[in-house]
């Protein structure tokens, strides 16, 4: 039998999962490190994804709880793109990825886990970052703790 230990997942397993919006909860929180909020802009913020596709997976979202790009105003859309552009050099400096996937999942069929609060994904990629684990074991290995990532990225994005 194969075992993959991930003791940090117990916090999620034991936590209450309400019907609220996790992004709104993150934005309303006071402790940005604990809530994984990397940078707060005027109309939108950058957060670390708690359940990343890859190490360094960030999300950019407006503060307002709106379902899609057409619901947010031009200033919010503009700031989301400015924040995305700000994240790329910070991720390059700290993590040295070979490329990025950047996108928005609109609707459940498109892969949106949170359908009612539009957000943009920034996923760093490295040559060879796909391996046998996702294919054979249906398991993705994330090698860095989320708060360690916050500690390394926050000062770079904040400057």
Protein backbone atom coordinates (compact mmCIF):
# COMPACT_ATOMS: atom_id res chain seq x y z
CA UNK A 1 0.00 0.00 0.00
CA UNK A 2 1.29 3.51 -0.89
CA UNK A 3 0.90 6.43 1.52
CA UNK A 4 1.15 10.13 0.84
CA UNK A 5 1.26 12.10 4.08
CA UNK A 6 -0.37 15.56 4.10
CA UNK A 7 -1.01 16.43 7.77
CA UNK A 8 -1.85 20.07 6.97
CA UNK A 9 -5.07 18.86 5.31
CA UNK A 10 -6.55 18.03 8.76
CA UNK A 11 -7.26 21.74 9.33
CA UNK A 12 -9.50 21.72 6.25
CA UNK A 13 -11.09 18.36 7.05
CA UNK A 14 -12.03 19.42 10.59
CA UNK A 15 -13.14 22.95 9.70
CA UNK A 16 -16.77 23.92 9.25
CA UNK A 17 -17.66 24.50 5.61
CA UNK A 18 -20.48 27.01 5.40
CA UNK A 19 -22.34 28.27 2.40
CA UNK A 20 -20.42 31.58 2.32
CA UNK A 21 -17.85 32.76 -0.16
CA UNK A 22 -14.26 31.93 0.80
CA UNK A 23 -12.94 34.93 -1.16
CA UNK A 24 -15.26 37.35 0.64
CA UNK A 25 -14.21 35.74 3.94
CA UNK A 26 -10.52 36.19 3.06
CA UNK A 27 -11.05 39.85 2.12
CA UNK A 28 -12.97 40.59 5.33
CA UNK A 29 -10.32 39.00 7.52
CA UNK A 30 -7.77 41.10 9.38
CA UNK A 31 -4.77 38.76 9.27
CA UNK A 32 -3.59 38.75 5.66
CA UNK A 33 -0.92 36.08 6.24
CA UNK A 34 -3.38 33.72 7.91
CA UNK A 35 -5.95 34.39 5.17
CA UNK A 36 -3.28 34.10 2.44
CA UNK A 37 -4.05 37.57 1.04
CA UNK A 38 -0.81 38.57 -0.68
CA UNK A 39 -1.68 42.06 -1.86
CA UNK A 40 -4.66 44.38 -1.51
CA UNK A 41 -5.38 46.83 -4.29
CA UNK A 42 -8.08 49.48 -4.34
CA UNK A 43 -10.75 47.30 -6.00
CA UNK A 44 -9.23 43.80 -6.09
CA UNK A 45 -6.70 41.60 -4.30
CA UNK A 46 -4.23 38.77 -4.88
CA UNK A 47 -4.59 35.61 -2.79
CA UNK A 48 -2.80 32.28 -2.62
CA UNK A 49 -5.02 29.38 -3.65
CA UNK A 50 -5.48 27.05 -0.65
CA UNK A 51 -5.99 24.07 -3.00
CA UNK A 52 -3.48 24.81 -5.75
CA UNK A 53 -3.07 23.15 -9.12
CA UNK A 54 0.64 23.82 -8.77
CA UNK A 55 3.04 25.42 -6.31
CA UNK A 56 2.62 29.23 -6.41
CA UNK A 57 -0.98 29.14 -7.68
CA UNK A 58 -2.45 32.61 -7.11
CA UNK A 59 -5.89 34.09 -7.66
CA UNK A 60 -6.85 37.69 -8.42
CA UNK A 61 -10.40 38.75 -7.56
CA UNK A 62 -12.43 41.91 -7.11
CA UNK A 63 -13.62 42.67 -3.59
CA UNK A 64 -17.19 42.80 -4.80
CA UNK A 65 -18.96 39.43 -4.96
CA UNK A 66 -19.95 39.27 -8.63
CA UNK A 67 -20.44 36.23 -10.90
CA UNK A 68 -18.58 37.09 -14.12
CA UNK A 69 -16.54 39.58 -16.12
CA UNK A 70 -19.61 41.39 -17.43
CA UNK A 71 -20.81 42.09 -13.88
CA UNK A 72 -17.65 43.86 -12.76
CA UNK A 73 -16.94 47.40 -13.86
CA UNK A 74 -14.09 48.45 -16.18
CA UNK A 75 -12.00 49.75 -13.27
CA UNK A 76 -12.20 46.37 -11.50
CA UNK A 77 -11.29 44.51 -14.70
CA UNK A 78 -8.37 46.85 -15.26
CA UNK A 79 -7.06 46.44 -11.72
CA UNK A 80 -7.36 42.65 -11.98
CA UNK A 81 -5.09 42.74 -15.04
CA UNK A 82 -2.68 45.19 -13.36
CA UNK A 83 -2.45 42.90 -10.33
CA UNK A 84 -1.92 39.90 -12.60
CA UNK A 85 0.92 41.73 -14.37
CA UNK A 86 2.40 42.62 -10.95
CA UNK A 87 2.40 38.95 -9.88
CA UNK A 88 4.33 37.60 -12.88
CA UNK A 89 7.70 39.24 -12.12
CA UNK A 90 7.30 38.51 -8.40
CA UNK A 91 6.69 34.82 -9.11
CA UNK A 92 9.62 34.80 -11.54
CA UNK A 93 11.93 36.34 -8.94
CA UNK A 94 10.90 34.05 -6.09
CA UNK A 95 10.09 30.77 -7.84
CA UNK A 96 11.82 30.87 -11.26
CA UNK A 97 9.02 29.21 -13.28
CA UNK A 98 9.45 28.50 -16.99
CA UNK A 99 5.96 29.75 -17.88
CA UNK A 100 2.45 30.45 -16.63
CA UNK A 101 -1.15 29.43 -17.16
CA UNK A 102 -3.45 32.41 -16.65
CA UNK A 103 -7.20 32.07 -16.97
CA UNK A 104 -10.73 32.39 -15.70
CA UNK A 105 -13.11 29.46 -15.27
CA UNK A 106 -16.69 30.62 -15.89
CA UNK A 107 -19.32 28.05 -14.92
CA UNK A 108 -19.11 24.63 -13.33
CA UNK A 109 -18.56 22.89 -16.66
CA UNK A 110 -15.50 25.08 -17.23
CA UNK A 111 -14.04 23.99 -13.89
CA UNK A 112 -15.17 26.84 -11.65
CA UNK A 113 -15.14 25.62 -8.06
CA UNK A 114 -16.48 29.00 -6.97
CA UNK A 115 -19.03 30.16 -9.51
CA UNK A 116 -20.45 33.29 -7.91
CA UNK A 117 -17.28 35.35 -7.30
CA UNK A 118 -15.29 35.87 -10.48
CA UNK A 119 -11.54 35.36 -10.10
CA UNK A 120 -8.50 34.91 -12.30
CA UNK A 121 -5.96 32.10 -11.82
CA UNK A 122 -2.20 32.49 -12.18
CA UNK A 123 -0.46 29.10 -12.21
CA UNK A 124 3.34 28.94 -12.48
CA UNK A 125 4.65 26.09 -14.62
CA UNK A 126 8.06 24.44 -14.87
CA UNK A 127 9.50 22.28 -17.61
CA UNK A 128 8.82 18.74 -16.48
CA UNK A 129 6.34 19.69 -13.74
CA UNK A 130 4.03 16.98 -14.91
CA UNK A 131 5.06 13.58 -13.64
CA UNK A 132 3.63 10.17 -12.90
CA UNK A 133 1.79 11.18 -9.70
CA UNK A 134 -1.20 12.94 -11.33
CA UNK A 135 -1.39 10.36 -14.12
CA UNK A 136 -1.01 7.13 -12.17
CA UNK A 137 -1.97 8.05 -8.60
CA UNK A 138 -4.39 10.92 -9.38
CA UNK A 139 -2.35 12.93 -6.85
CA UNK A 140 -0.65 16.30 -7.25
CA UNK A 141 2.39 16.97 -5.06
CA UNK A 142 2.73 20.57 -3.85
CA UNK A 143 6.22 20.88 -2.38
CA UNK A 144 5.89 24.16 -0.48
CA UNK A 145 3.76 25.08 2.55
CA UNK A 146 1.31 27.90 1.78
CA UNK A 147 2.43 30.23 4.57
CA UNK A 148 6.07 29.75 3.56
CA UNK A 149 5.07 30.81 0.05
CA UNK A 150 3.27 33.86 1.51
CA UNK A 151 6.38 34.79 3.50
CA UNK A 152 8.53 34.68 0.38
CA UNK A 153 6.14 36.34 -2.09
CA UNK A 154 4.52 39.05 0.05
CA UNK A 155 7.56 41.36 0.37
CA UNK A 156 8.29 41.07 -3.35
CA UNK A 157 4.72 41.79 -4.51
CA UNK A 158 4.34 44.58 -1.95
CA UNK A 159 7.28 46.64 -3.23
